[in-house]
N, C-alpha and C. Protein backbone atom coordinates (compact mmCIF):
# COMPACT_ATOMS: atom_id res chain seq x y z
N MET A 1 98.62 82.86 82.64
CA MET A 1 97.36 83.44 83.04
C MET A 1 96.26 82.66 82.32
N ILE A 2 95.24 82.30 83.09
CA ILE A 2 94.14 81.52 82.55
C ILE A 2 92.94 82.41 82.23
N GLU A 3 92.64 83.35 83.10
CA GLU A 3 91.40 84.11 82.98
C GLU A 3 91.61 85.53 83.50
N VAL A 4 91.02 86.50 82.81
CA VAL A 4 91.08 87.90 83.23
C VAL A 4 89.71 88.52 83.02
N SER A 5 89.23 89.24 84.01
CA SER A 5 87.99 90.00 83.84
C SER A 5 88.09 91.26 84.68
N GLY A 6 87.44 92.30 84.23
CA GLY A 6 87.47 93.55 84.97
C GLY A 6 86.73 94.64 84.22
N ARG A 7 86.62 95.78 84.89
CA ARG A 7 85.93 96.90 84.25
C ARG A 7 86.48 98.22 84.78
N PHE A 8 86.48 99.21 83.90
CA PHE A 8 86.87 100.56 84.29
C PHE A 8 85.66 101.26 84.88
N LEU A 9 85.85 101.89 86.01
CA LEU A 9 84.74 102.55 86.71
C LEU A 9 84.72 104.05 86.46
N HIS A 10 85.88 104.63 86.18
CA HIS A 10 86.00 106.07 85.92
C HIS A 10 87.03 106.26 84.81
N PRO A 11 86.96 107.37 84.09
CA PRO A 11 87.94 107.60 83.02
C PRO A 11 89.34 107.86 83.58
N VAL A 12 90.34 107.50 82.77
CA VAL A 12 91.74 107.75 83.10
C VAL A 12 92.32 108.60 81.98
N TYR A 13 93.04 109.65 82.35
CA TYR A 13 93.57 110.58 81.36
C TYR A 13 95.10 110.59 81.40
N ARG A 14 95.68 111.04 80.29
CA ARG A 14 97.13 111.19 80.22
C ARG A 14 97.58 112.14 81.33
N GLY A 15 98.61 111.76 82.05
CA GLY A 15 99.09 112.58 83.15
C GLY A 15 98.60 112.10 84.51
N ASN A 16 97.58 111.23 84.54
CA ASN A 16 97.14 110.66 85.82
C ASN A 16 98.21 109.74 86.38
N THR A 17 98.31 109.69 87.69
CA THR A 17 99.18 108.74 88.36
C THR A 17 98.30 107.61 88.87
N LEU A 18 98.66 106.37 88.50
CA LEU A 18 97.85 105.21 88.86
C LEU A 18 98.59 104.32 89.84
N TYR A 19 97.84 103.76 90.78
CA TYR A 19 98.40 102.90 91.82
C TYR A 19 97.70 101.55 91.79
N PRO A 20 98.36 100.52 91.23
CA PRO A 20 97.74 99.18 91.17
C PRO A 20 97.91 98.43 92.48
N MET A 21 96.97 97.53 92.76
CA MET A 21 97.03 96.69 93.96
C MET A 21 96.51 95.30 93.59
N LEU A 22 97.27 94.27 93.93
CA LEU A 22 96.85 92.89 93.72
C LEU A 22 96.74 92.20 95.06
N GLU A 23 95.68 91.44 95.24
CA GLU A 23 95.46 90.69 96.48
C GLU A 23 95.08 89.26 96.12
N ILE A 24 95.77 88.29 96.71
CA ILE A 24 95.41 86.89 96.49
C ILE A 24 94.12 86.62 97.25
N VAL A 25 93.07 86.27 96.51
CA VAL A 25 91.75 86.08 97.09
C VAL A 25 91.50 84.62 97.42
N ASP A 26 91.91 83.72 96.52
CA ASP A 26 91.61 82.31 96.71
C ASP A 26 92.75 81.48 96.17
N SER A 27 93.16 80.49 96.93
CA SER A 27 94.24 79.59 96.51
C SER A 27 93.79 78.16 96.74
N LYS A 28 93.19 77.56 95.72
CA LYS A 28 92.68 76.19 95.82
C LYS A 28 93.55 75.28 94.95
N ILE A 29 94.80 75.19 95.31
CA ILE A 29 95.75 74.44 94.49
C ILE A 29 95.40 72.96 94.46
N LYS A 30 94.84 72.42 95.53
CA LYS A 30 94.52 70.99 95.55
C LYS A 30 93.30 70.66 94.69
N ILE A 31 92.35 71.58 94.59
CA ILE A 31 91.14 71.35 93.79
C ILE A 31 91.40 71.73 92.33
N GLN A 32 91.87 72.94 92.10
CA GLN A 32 92.21 73.42 90.76
C GLN A 32 93.60 74.03 90.84
N PRO A 33 94.45 73.75 89.86
CA PRO A 33 95.77 74.36 89.89
C PRO A 33 95.69 75.84 89.56
N GLY A 34 96.05 76.68 90.49
CA GLY A 34 96.04 78.11 90.24
C GLY A 34 95.48 78.88 91.41
N TYR A 35 95.47 80.21 91.25
CA TYR A 35 94.92 81.06 92.30
C TYR A 35 94.31 82.30 91.67
N TYR A 36 93.39 82.94 92.42
CA TYR A 36 92.70 84.14 91.97
C TYR A 36 93.28 85.37 92.64
N ASN A 37 93.44 86.43 91.86
CA ASN A 37 93.85 87.73 92.37
C ASN A 37 92.70 88.71 92.18
N ALA A 38 92.53 89.60 93.13
CA ALA A 38 91.64 90.75 92.95
C ALA A 38 92.53 91.92 92.59
N ALA A 39 92.24 92.57 91.48
CA ALA A 39 93.04 93.70 91.01
C ALA A 39 92.24 94.98 91.13
N THR A 40 92.85 96.00 91.71
CA THR A 40 92.23 97.32 91.78
C THR A 40 93.27 98.35 91.37
N ILE A 41 92.80 99.44 90.79
CA ILE A 41 93.68 100.55 90.43
C ILE A 41 93.00 101.83 90.90
N HIS A 42 93.74 102.63 91.67
CA HIS A 42 93.28 103.94 92.14
C HIS A 42 94.09 105.02 91.44
N ASP A 43 93.51 106.21 91.30
CA ASP A 43 94.26 107.32 90.74
C ASP A 43 94.85 108.18 91.85
N GLN A 44 95.47 109.29 91.48
CA GLN A 44 96.16 110.14 92.45
C GLN A 44 95.21 110.77 93.46
N ASN A 45 93.91 110.79 93.17
CA ASN A 45 92.92 111.33 94.11
C ASN A 45 92.25 110.23 94.92
N ASP A 46 92.81 109.03 94.89
CA ASP A 46 92.31 107.85 95.61
C ASP A 46 90.93 107.42 95.11
N VAL A 47 90.63 107.70 93.84
CA VAL A 47 89.38 107.26 93.22
C VAL A 47 89.63 105.90 92.58
N LEU A 48 88.76 104.93 92.86
CA LEU A 48 88.87 103.61 92.26
C LEU A 48 88.48 103.70 90.79
N VAL A 49 89.45 103.44 89.89
CA VAL A 49 89.18 103.57 88.46
C VAL A 49 89.06 102.22 87.76
N PHE A 50 89.54 101.15 88.38
CA PHE A 50 89.45 99.82 87.77
C PHE A 50 89.34 98.78 88.86
N GLU A 51 88.53 97.74 88.61
CA GLU A 51 88.49 96.58 89.49
C GLU A 51 88.27 95.34 88.65
N GLY A 52 88.88 94.25 89.07
CA GLY A 52 88.74 93.02 88.31
C GLY A 52 89.39 91.84 89.01
N THR A 53 89.40 90.70 88.33
CA THR A 53 90.02 89.49 88.87
C THR A 53 90.92 88.88 87.81
N GLN A 54 91.89 88.13 88.27
CA GLN A 54 92.81 87.40 87.40
C GLN A 54 93.00 86.01 87.99
N ARG A 55 93.09 85.02 87.11
CA ARG A 55 93.36 83.65 87.56
C ARG A 55 94.64 83.18 86.90
N TYR A 56 95.58 82.72 87.71
CA TYR A 56 96.87 82.27 87.23
C TYR A 56 97.02 80.77 87.45
N LEU A 57 97.67 80.12 86.51
CA LEU A 57 98.01 78.71 86.63
C LEU A 57 99.45 78.63 87.11
N ILE A 58 99.67 77.87 88.17
CA ILE A 58 101.02 77.71 88.69
C ILE A 58 101.39 76.24 88.73
N ARG A 59 102.65 75.97 88.61
CA ARG A 59 103.14 74.60 88.64
C ARG A 59 103.40 74.21 90.10
N LYS A 60 102.94 73.05 90.46
CA LYS A 60 103.13 72.55 91.82
C LYS A 60 104.36 71.64 91.84
N ARG A 61 105.23 71.87 92.82
CA ARG A 61 106.42 71.03 92.96
C ARG A 61 106.06 69.70 93.59
N VAL A 62 106.69 68.66 93.10
CA VAL A 62 106.48 67.32 93.64
C VAL A 62 107.45 67.14 94.80
N GLY A 63 106.91 66.65 95.94
CA GLY A 63 107.78 66.36 97.07
C GLY A 63 107.63 67.22 98.21
């Protein structure tokens, strides 16, 4: 992982059920090695409690 950013939008309490979701937003492997994910987390009431991005470095196979 190269970069992580995000923020909590609502409080989360013990006993809450959380549902994470990752979506590949951008994959520019030829320009920069890696890809960006958009991360969101909703609680059991479908309230968005977290949103952010992650950038991962991946190895490219030769051939």
